[in-house]
Amino acid sequence: MHLVSRLLLLLAGLLVPSHGHLLPEPSSPGHPAHQEAPSIGEGSPSLKIVQGNTAFALRLYHLVASQSPGNNIFFSPLSISSSYAMLSLGARSHSQTQILEGLGFNLTEVSESDIHQGFQNLWHTLHLPRDGLEMHAGSALFLSQELQILPGFLNDSVAFYESKPFLADFHDSAGTTQLINDHVKEETQGKIVDLVSDLSADIAMVLVNYIYFKALWEKPFALSLTTPQDFYVDENTVVKVPMMRQDTEDHWYLHDRYLPCSVLRMDYKGNAMAFFILPNRGKMKQVEEVLTPEMLTRWNSLLQKRYFYRKLELHFPKFSISGSYKLDQILPELGFVDVFSQQADLSGITEEQKLQVSKSFHKAILEVDEAGTQAAAATGTFTAFLSTRHSRRVLWFNRPFLVVIFSTDTQSVLFLGKVVNPTTP
């Protein structure tokens, strides 16, 4: 009977090593840790994983929405996907297959090698310097100093996922907890704190994945036009929010002729954009039901047509929301079964002890203001509207709406959520 050691997965937000022993980055002749500038055009390796990543993002959204009706939702599907794809490097047999298929990949169409090379190219692309957009993403492995990690796993995790390996003393629970939390806090620029608490003595490895995103609007809002306005959370709840306004700008937007919603495309500086999807009164559930990769593709295609670029009087809330999720309780519903049980085969990480994932946390924060958006992720309804103005040229985001934040050059969903009550942090 093997002694089972626990592996803790956390999803987080920015990158600077703090205290602790940072291991030298291993290198492999087959997988050099430092690559030349990535290709981002047609044929880019990252495009091979877009379909799977988007499918996973929306499957996870629907599951979270069904479990938390009436609540704000916000998470980074890309942060979660890359963390578990990295974990699959050390998984074997059914455990590996369940992880990769759970992440939305059809293994008869995309190979394991394609998946890891796709993530490698994707993260290199996202790290390219851009004016007006700040994005930091990466992974960190906190390893028990008593654990012998197989070189192949270390080499590949560094090469494909730029993972930073640290040695830690898990017998010193307080010290290791502070080490991990300090790292996450720094990497998310102080947005996510105290992600880890009460590390148990049988933890052998902690995997942290983080993404921090700060972007400026191509068309910022004027501070002087922000005023308190009503936001209709549901039929019985109205809250006051600072409502931003633009009334002289052209925007990409449409009123869907087949679905009860409007879709606004807002561009950021630096190759990123957001879709804000505003269901008609009482139609959130109906719109959520058709929120599919195909629908996102359809809206994206339509919102590149000049016809949908028109002058708009836009009213949009200034807000901050967050989402915290226990992925070890959620992901088994999406097929991740073995990895959270004693059936886990993570023998590609270490052969000396049997590992399984004990806990997996994800936390994400979204802030929207006149200048733009800040979002950090860490691993950790009816409407009663509204306005009497029904002009096709006026759009009031004063009831629950959906948000999708994209990287345009990688075609990847960075963040996904639902704003039900913008006054709830």
Protein backbone atom coordinates (compact mmCIF):
# COMPACT_ATOMS: atom_id res chain seq x y z
CA MET A 1 0.00 0.00 0.00
CA HIS A 2 1.44 3.34 -1.08
CA LEU A 3 1.52 6.31 1.23
CA VAL A 4 -0.55 8.95 -0.55
CA SER A 5 0.96 12.43 -0.61
CA ARG A 6 -1.23 15.37 -1.44
CA LEU A 7 -0.86 17.84 -4.26
CA LEU A 8 -2.49 21.24 -3.94
CA LEU A 9 -3.40 23.27 -7.02
CA LEU A 10 -3.96 27.00 -6.77
CA LEU A 11 -4.70 29.43 -9.53
CA ALA A 12 -3.34 32.94 -9.05
CA GLY A 13 -2.01 36.16 -10.56
CA LEU A 14 1.53 37.71 -11.25
CA LEU A 15 5.26 36.78 -11.07
CA VAL A 16 8.15 37.66 -8.73
CA PRO A 17 9.96 35.11 -6.55
CA SER A 18 9.97 36.12 -2.91
CA HIS A 19 11.55 34.27 0.02
CA GLY A 20 12.47 30.63 -0.37
CA HIS A 21 14.87 28.62 -2.44
CA LEU A 22 14.35 29.05 -6.18
CA LEU A 23 15.68 26.00 -7.98
CA PRO A 24 17.78 26.50 -11.11
CA GLU A 25 15.66 26.05 -14.20
CA PRO A 26 16.37 22.71 -15.82
CA SER A 27 16.76 22.46 -19.53
CA SER A 28 16.17 19.72 -22.00
CA PRO A 29 17.79 19.41 -25.43
CA GLY A 30 14.36 18.66 -26.86
CA HIS A 31 12.53 21.46 -25.06
CA PRO A 32 14.66 24.58 -24.61
CA ALA A 33 13.34 26.86 -21.88
CA HIS A 34 13.84 30.04 -23.91
CA GLN A 35 12.28 30.29 -27.34
CA GLU A 36 12.48 32.78 -30.16
CA ALA A 37 9.59 35.15 -30.75
CA PRO A 38 6.43 33.10 -31.26
CA SER A 39 4.46 32.95 -34.46
CA ILE A 40 1.01 34.46 -34.04
CA GLY A 41 -0.45 34.27 -37.52
CA GLU A 42 -2.31 31.53 -39.33
CA GLY A 43 -0.74 28.17 -38.51
CA SER A 44 0.39 29.32 -35.06
CA PRO A 45 0.62 26.35 -32.64
CA SER A 46 -1.67 28.16 -30.18
CA LEU A 47 -4.53 28.10 -32.68
CA LYS A 48 -4.67 24.30 -32.39
CA ILE A 49 -5.85 24.58 -28.78
CA VAL A 50 -8.33 27.46 -29.17
CA GLN A 51 -11.33 25.22 -29.83
CA GLY A 52 -10.64 23.02 -26.80
CA ASN A 53 -9.91 25.96 -24.51
CA THR A 54 -13.11 27.76 -25.52
CA ALA A 55 -15.22 24.63 -25.11
CA PHE A 56 -13.78 24.06 -21.64
CA ALA A 57 -14.37 27.70 -20.66
CA LEU A 58 -18.05 27.56 -21.52
CA ARG A 59 -18.64 24.10 -20.04
CA LEU A 60 -17.12 25.33 -16.79
CA TYR A 61 -19.22 28.50 -16.93
CA HIS A 62 -22.46 26.55 -17.36
CA LEU A 63 -21.58 24.25 -14.47
CA VAL A 64 -20.70 27.12 -12.13
CA ALA A 65 -23.83 29.04 -13.17
CA SER A 66 -26.04 26.02 -12.43
CA GLN A 67 -24.48 25.66 -8.98
CA SER A 68 -24.57 29.37 -8.12
CA PRO A 69 -27.75 30.89 -9.54
CA GLY A 70 -28.12 34.54 -8.79
CA ASN A 71 -24.44 35.08 -7.94
CA ASN A 72 -21.65 36.97 -9.67
CA ILE A 73 -19.34 34.68 -11.63
CA PHE A 74 -15.79 35.46 -12.67
CA PHE A 75 -12.86 33.19 -13.47
CA SER A 76 -9.94 32.73 -15.85
CA PRO A 77 -10.52 29.56 -17.87
CA LEU A 78 -7.10 29.92 -19.49
CA SER A 79 -5.39 29.97 -16.11
CA ILE A 80 -7.21 26.80 -15.09
CA SER A 81 -6.62 25.06 -18.43
CA SER A 82 -2.91 25.73 -18.49
CA SER A 83 -2.49 24.63 -14.86
CA TYR A 84 -4.11 21.26 -15.49
CA ALA A 85 -2.45 20.82 -18.87
CA MET A 86 0.86 21.28 -17.07
CA LEU A 87 -0.20 18.73 -14.45
CA SER A 88 -0.97 16.27 -17.24
CA LEU A 89 2.75 16.23 -18.07
CA GLY A 90 3.16 14.11 -14.95
CA ALA A 91 -0.05 12.10 -15.30
CA ARG A 92 -0.21 8.65 -16.81
CA SER A 93 -2.86 6.27 -18.18
CA HIS A 94 -6.51 7.16 -17.49
CA SER A 95 -5.54 10.08 -15.26
CA GLN A 96 -3.82 11.84 -18.17
CA THR A 97 -6.62 11.09 -20.62
CA GLN A 98 -9.27 12.37 -18.21
CA ILE A 99 -7.41 15.63 -17.68
CA LEU A 100 -6.83 16.37 -21.36
CA GLU A 101 -10.33 15.33 -22.46
CA GLY A 102 -11.80 17.22 -19.51
CA LEU A 103 -9.99 20.31 -20.80
CA GLY A 104 -11.95 19.98 -24.03
CA PHE A 105 -9.35 18.37 -26.27
CA ASN A 106 -10.30 15.65 -28.73
CA LEU A 107 -7.20 13.46 -28.60
CA THR A 108 -7.97 11.92 -31.98
CA GLU A 109 -7.66 15.40 -33.55
CA VAL A 110 -5.00 17.12 -31.45
CA SER A 111 -2.00 15.30 -30.00
CA GLU A 112 -0.57 15.66 -26.52
CA SER A 113 2.47 17.31 -28.09
CA ASP A 114 0.26 19.79 -29.96
CA ILE A 115 -1.46 20.74 -26.69
CA HIS A 116 1.74 21.53 -24.81
CA GLN A 117 3.31 23.33 -27.76
CA GLY A 118 0.08 25.29 -28.16
CA PHE A 119 0.20 26.50 -24.56
CA GLN A 120 3.89 27.29 -24.89
CA ASN A 121 3.24 29.45 -27.95
CA LEU A 122 0.15 31.02 -26.40
CA TRP A 123 1.92 32.19 -23.23
CA HIS A 124 4.93 33.47 -25.20
CA THR A 125 2.55 35.47 -27.38
CA LEU A 126 0.68 36.90 -24.39
CA HIS A 127 3.98 38.01 -22.88
CA LEU A 128 4.95 40.14 -25.89
CA PRO A 129 5.24 43.81 -24.83
CA ARG A 130 2.22 45.92 -25.79
CA ASP A 131 1.40 49.58 -25.31
CA GLY A 132 -1.55 50.11 -22.99
CA LEU A 133 -1.83 46.50 -21.87
CA GLU A 134 -0.05 44.79 -19.00
CA MET A 135 -0.27 41.03 -18.69
CA HIS A 136 1.76 38.69 -16.54
CA ALA A 137 1.13 34.97 -16.43
CA GLY A 138 3.01 31.89 -15.38
CA SER A 139 3.25 28.97 -12.98
CA ALA A 140 5.16 28.12 -9.83
CA LEU A 141 5.81 24.69 -8.34
CA PHE A 142 6.43 24.53 -4.60
CA LEU A 143 8.02 21.14 -3.95
CA SER A 144 8.72 19.33 -0.72
CA GLN A 145 12.47 19.34 -0.17
CA GLU A 146 12.11 15.66 0.67
CA LEU A 147 10.48 14.80 -2.67
CA GLN A 148 12.48 13.51 -5.63
CA ILE A 149 10.87 15.06 -8.72
CA LEU A 150 11.59 13.31 -12.02
CA PRO A 151 13.81 15.47 -14.28
CA GLY A 152 11.55 14.95 -17.29
CA PHE A 153 8.60 16.58 -15.53
CA LEU A 154 10.68 19.51 -14.31
CA ASN A 155 12.25 20.03 -17.74
CA ASP A 156 8.96 19.98 -19.60
CA SER A 157 7.05 22.10 -17.07
CA VAL A 158 9.73 24.80 -17.38
CA ALA A 159 10.00 24.55 -21.16
CA PHE A 160 6.29 24.53 -21.99
CA TYR A 161 4.76 26.46 -19.08
CA GLU A 162 7.65 28.59 -17.80
CA SER A 163 7.07 27.11 -14.36
CA LYS A 164 9.28 28.34 -11.55
CA PRO A 165 10.27 25.49 -9.19
CA PHE A 166 10.79 26.23 -5.47
CA LEU A 167 11.89 23.98 -2.64
CA ALA A 168 9.80 24.32 0.53
CA ASP A 169 9.64 22.74 3.98
CA PHE A 170 6.08 21.50 4.25
CA HIS A 171 6.69 20.48 7.87
CA ASP A 172 6.81 24.24 8.55
CA SER A 173 3.20 24.86 7.59
CA ALA A 174 3.17 28.54 8.61
CA GLY A 175 6.41 29.34 6.78
CA THR A 176 5.39 27.58 3.56
CA THR A 177 1.92 29.15 3.66
CA GLN A 178 3.50 32.59 3.90
CA LEU A 179 5.96 31.76 1.13
CA ILE A 180 3.16 30.79 -1.27
CA ASN A 181 0.84 33.64 -0.30
CA ASP A 182 3.62 36.22 -0.61
CA HIS A 183 4.42 34.92 -4.08
CA VAL A 184 0.79 35.08 -5.19
CA LYS A 185 0.32 38.53 -3.68
CA GLU A 186 3.34 39.92 -5.51
CA GLU A 187 2.42 38.29 -8.80
CA THR A 188 -1.10 39.75 -8.66
CA GLN A 189 0.18 43.17 -7.59
CA GLY A 190 -1.47 42.79 -4.21
CA LYS A 191 -4.91 41.98 -5.60
CA ILE A 192 -5.07 38.41 -4.27
CA VAL A 193 -3.98 37.81 -0.69
CA ASP A 194 -4.12 34.84 1.69
CA LEU A 195 -4.98 32.34 -1.03
CA VAL A 196 -3.59 29.45 1.03
CA SER A 197 -4.30 28.57 4.64
CA ASP A 198 -3.94 25.54 6.90
CA LEU A 199 -1.60 23.45 4.76
CA SER A 200 -1.82 19.88 6.03
CA ALA A 201 1.26 17.83 6.88
CA ASP A 202 0.74 15.39 3.99
CA ILE A 203 1.01 18.07 1.28
CA ALA A 204 4.01 17.28 -0.93
CA MET A 205 3.61 19.75 -3.79
CA VAL A 206 1.72 22.97 -4.49
CA LEU A 207 1.13 24.12 -8.07
CA VAL A 208 0.26 27.80 -8.51
CA ASN A 209 -0.84 29.30 -11.82
CA TYR A 210 -1.40 33.02 -12.13
CA ILE A 211 -2.52 35.63 -14.62
CA TYR A 212 -2.69 39.38 -14.12
CA PHE A 213 -4.34 41.58 -16.73
CA LYS A 214 -4.55 45.36 -16.82
CA ALA A 215 -5.76 47.12 -19.93
CA LEU A 216 -6.77 50.58 -21.06
CA TRP A 217 -9.87 51.20 -23.15
CA GLU A 218 -9.29 52.34 -26.70
CA LYS A 219 -12.07 54.83 -25.89
CA PRO A 220 -11.91 55.71 -22.19
CA PHE A 221 -14.85 57.17 -20.29
CA ALA A 222 -14.76 60.75 -18.99
CA LEU A 223 -14.58 60.88 -15.19
CA SER A 224 -16.86 63.92 -15.13
CA LEU A 225 -19.75 61.97 -16.68
CA THR A 226 -19.89 59.20 -14.03
CA THR A 227 -22.95 59.59 -11.79
CA PRO A 228 -24.87 57.36 -9.32
CA GLN A 229 -27.60 55.37 -11.06
CA ASP A 230 -29.91 52.45 -10.31
CA PHE A 231 -28.86 48.89 -11.17
CA TYR A 232 -31.70 46.33 -11.22
CA VAL A 233 -30.26 43.12 -9.72
CA ASP A 234 -33.60 41.27 -9.90
CA GLU A 235 -37.31 41.94 -9.62
CA ASN A 236 -37.00 42.92 -5.97
CA THR A 237 -33.48 44.37 -5.64
CA VAL A 238 -32.20 47.72 -6.83
CA VAL A 239 -28.72 49.04 -5.93
CA LYS A 240 -26.90 52.29 -6.64
CA VAL A 241 -23.76 52.10 -8.78
CA PRO A 242 -21.42 54.69 -10.30
CA MET A 243 -22.60 54.65 -13.91
CA MET A 244 -20.12 55.74 -16.56
CA ARG A 245 -21.39 57.39 -19.75
CA GLN A 246 -20.29 57.98 -23.30
CA ASP A 247 -22.55 59.75 -25.76
CA THR A 248 -20.29 60.94 -28.58
CA GLU A 249 -18.38 57.78 -29.56
CA ASP A 250 -18.96 55.12 -32.19
CA HIS A 251 -18.99 51.54 -30.87
CA TRP A 252 -19.25 48.01 -32.20
CA TYR A 253 -22.61 46.70 -30.98
CA LEU A 254 -25.66 44.81 -32.15
CA HIS A 255 -29.14 43.89 -31.03
CA ASP A 256 -29.35 40.20 -31.89
CA ARG A 257 -32.32 39.57 -34.17
CA TYR A 258 -32.50 35.90 -33.17
CA LEU A 259 -31.71 36.11 -29.44
CA PRO A 260 -33.10 38.39 -26.72
CA CYS A 261 -29.89 40.32 -26.08
CA SER A 262 -27.55 43.10 -27.15
CA VAL A 263 -23.81 42.57 -27.56
CA LEU A 264 -21.25 45.33 -27.11
CA ARG A 265 -17.66 44.93 -28.23
CA MET A 266 -15.20 47.14 -26.34
CA ASP A 267 -11.61 47.21 -27.55
CA TYR A 268 -8.59 47.56 -25.29
CA LYS A 269 -5.24 48.90 -26.31
CA GLY A 270 -2.75 46.12 -27.01
CA ASN A 271 -4.69 43.38 -28.84
CA ALA A 272 -7.44 42.57 -26.37
CA MET A 273 -11.18 43.11 -26.37
CA ALA A 274 -14.28 42.36 -24.34
CA PHE A 275 -17.80 41.30 -25.21
CA PHE A 276 -20.46 42.57 -22.84
CA ILE A 277 -23.65 40.62 -23.45
CA LEU A 278 -26.82 42.26 -22.15
CA PRO A 279 -29.90 40.01 -22.09
CA ASN A 280 -33.33 41.56 -22.44
CA ARG A 281 -35.41 41.85 -19.28
CA GLY A 282 -35.88 38.42 -17.69
CA LYS A 283 -33.96 36.60 -20.46
CA MET A 284 -30.61 35.84 -18.80
CA LYS A 285 -31.24 32.11 -18.57
CA GLN A 286 -32.36 31.93 -22.19
CA VAL A 287 -29.19 33.69 -23.36
CA GLU A 288 -26.96 31.57 -21.11
CA GLU A 289 -28.41 28.42 -22.66
CA VAL A 290 -27.09 29.41 -26.10
CA LEU A 291 -23.72 30.65 -24.86
CA THR A 292 -21.57 28.32 -26.96
CA PRO A 293 -18.27 28.55 -28.87
CA GLU A 294 -20.31 28.81 -32.05
CA MET A 295 -22.29 31.77 -30.69
CA LEU A 296 -19.11 33.60 -29.64
CA THR A 297 -17.72 33.00 -33.14
CA ARG A 298 -20.93 34.32 -34.69
CA TRP A 299 -20.90 37.51 -32.59
CA ASN A 300 -17.21 38.03 -33.29
CA SER A 301 -17.78 37.72 -37.02
CA LEU A 302 -20.74 40.11 -36.99
CA LEU A 303 -18.97 42.69 -34.84
CA GLN A 304 -16.26 43.09 -37.44
CA LYS A 305 -18.74 44.29 -40.06
CA ARG A 306 -18.77 48.04 -40.57
CA TYR A 307 -22.56 48.16 -40.35
CA PHE A 308 -22.40 47.42 -36.61
CA TYR A 309 -19.98 50.29 -35.87
CA ARG A 310 -22.32 53.13 -34.97
CA LYS A 311 -22.71 56.08 -32.65
CA LEU A 312 -24.05 54.97 -29.29
CA GLU A 313 -25.11 56.51 -26.03
CA LEU A 314 -23.55 54.04 -23.63
CA HIS A 315 -24.20 53.73 -19.89
CA PHE A 316 -21.89 51.24 -18.20
CA PRO A 317 -21.25 50.56 -14.48
CA LYS A 318 -17.95 51.09 -12.72
CA PHE A 319 -17.48 48.04 -10.51
CA SER A 320 -15.29 45.39 -8.91
CA ILE A 321 -16.31 41.74 -8.48
CA SER A 322 -14.53 38.50 -7.63
CA GLY A 323 -15.06 34.76 -7.83
CA SER A 324 -13.64 32.00 -5.60
CA TYR A 325 -14.01 28.34 -6.53
CA LYS A 326 -13.10 24.95 -5.07
CA LEU A 327 -12.15 23.20 -8.29
CA ASP A 328 -11.70 19.82 -6.60
CA GLN A 329 -15.47 19.89 -6.03
CA ILE A 330 -16.34 21.24 -9.48
CA LEU A 331 -14.02 19.60 -12.03
CA PRO A 332 -15.07 15.97 -11.31
CA GLU A 333 -18.41 16.97 -12.90
CA LEU A 334 -16.44 17.68 -16.09
CA GLY A 335 -14.65 14.31 -16.13
CA PHE A 336 -11.65 15.01 -13.88
CA VAL A 337 -12.27 12.00 -11.64
CA ASP A 338 -9.11 10.02 -10.95
CA VAL A 339 -6.79 12.96 -10.24
CA PHE A 340 -8.73 13.88 -7.08
CA SER A 341 -8.87 10.30 -5.80
CA GLN A 342 -6.54 7.51 -4.77
CA GLN A 343 -6.88 6.24 -8.36
CA ALA A 344 -4.68 9.15 -9.47
CA ASP A 345 -1.64 8.14 -11.48
CA LEU A 346 0.86 10.99 -11.26
CA SER A 347 3.86 8.72 -11.49
CA GLY A 348 5.40 11.01 -14.12
CA ILE A 349 6.05 13.55 -11.35
CA THR A 350 7.66 11.22 -8.84
CA GLU A 351 7.93 7.46 -8.48
CA GLU A 352 8.82 7.37 -4.79
CA GLN A 353 5.38 8.38 -3.46
CA LYS A 354 1.84 8.12 -4.78
CA LEU A 355 0.42 11.58 -5.41
CA GLN A 356 -3.14 12.81 -5.71
CA VAL A 357 -4.66 16.30 -5.87
CA SER A 358 -6.21 17.05 -2.50
CA LYS A 359 -7.47 20.59 -3.01
CA SER A 360 -7.64 22.95 -5.97
CA PHE A 361 -8.61 26.61 -5.56
CA HIS A 362 -9.20 29.37 -8.05
CA LYS A 363 -9.79 33.04 -7.33
CA ALA A 364 -10.28 35.82 -9.84
CA ILE A 365 -10.97 39.54 -9.50
CA LEU A 366 -12.32 41.99 -12.07
CA GLU A 367 -12.18 45.78 -11.78
CA VAL A 368 -13.68 48.07 -14.42
CA ASP A 369 -13.38 51.85 -14.35
CA GLU A 370 -13.26 54.85 -16.68
CA ALA A 371 -9.71 54.11 -17.85
CA GLY A 372 -10.12 50.39 -18.47
CA THR A 373 -10.01 46.99 -16.80
CA GLN A 374 -7.90 45.22 -14.23
CA ALA A 375 -8.31 41.50 -13.76
CA ALA A 376 -6.33 39.05 -11.71
CA ALA A 377 -6.90 35.36 -11.38
CA ALA A 378 -5.40 33.03 -8.88
CA THR A 379 -5.70 29.54 -7.89
CA GLY A 380 -8.07 30.49 -5.60
CA THR A 381 -32.27 35.90 -12.60
CA PHE A 382 -34.64 38.08 -13.54
CA THR A 383 -34.37 41.75 -14.30
CA ALA A 384 -36.88 44.46 -13.59
CA PHE A 385 -35.62 47.14 -15.88
CA LEU A 386 -35.62 49.77 -16.85
CA SER A 387 -35.46 52.84 -18.91
CA THR A 388 -38.25 54.38 -20.90
CA ARG A 389 -35.88 54.99 -23.78
CA HIS A 390 -36.02 52.21 -26.35
CA SER A 391 -33.80 53.80 -28.97
CA ARG A 392 -31.53 51.38 -30.76
CA ARG A 393 -28.82 53.97 -30.16
CA VAL A 394 -28.95 53.82 -26.35
CA LEU A 395 -27.55 50.96 -24.30
CA TRP A 396 -28.03 50.82 -20.51
CA PHE A 397 -26.05 48.17 -18.65
CA ASN A 398 -28.24 48.56 -15.57
CA ARG A 399 -29.21 44.91 -15.18
CA PRO A 400 -27.21 41.63 -15.05
CA PHE A 401 -24.92 41.00 -18.00
CA LEU A 402 -22.21 38.61 -19.20
CA VAL A 403 -18.56 39.46 -19.84
CA VAL A 404 -15.98 37.70 -22.03
CA ILE A 405 -12.43 39.08 -22.25
CA PHE A 406 -10.36 37.91 -25.23
CA SER A 407 -6.79 38.05 -26.39
CA THR A 408 -7.35 38.90 -30.03
CA ASP A 409 -4.07 37.65 -31.51
CA THR A 410 -4.34 34.23 -29.79
CA GLN A 411 -8.17 34.11 -30.10
CA SER A 412 -8.24 32.92 -26.48
CA VAL A 413 -10.80 33.58 -23.73
CA LEU A 414 -8.79 35.07 -20.87
CA PHE A 415 -11.66 35.73 -18.47
CA LEU A 416 -15.35 34.85 -18.36
CA GLY A 417 -18.11 35.90 -16.02
CA LYS A 418 -21.52 37.26 -15.14
CA VAL A 419 -22.18 40.52 -13.32
CA VAL A 420 -25.37 40.09 -11.29
CA ASN A 421 -24.74 42.62 -8.56
CA PRO A 422 -21.86 45.03 -9.22
CA THR A 423 -21.88 46.21 -5.58
CA THR A 424 -20.94 42.72 -4.31
CA PRO A 425 -17.13 42.39 -4.21
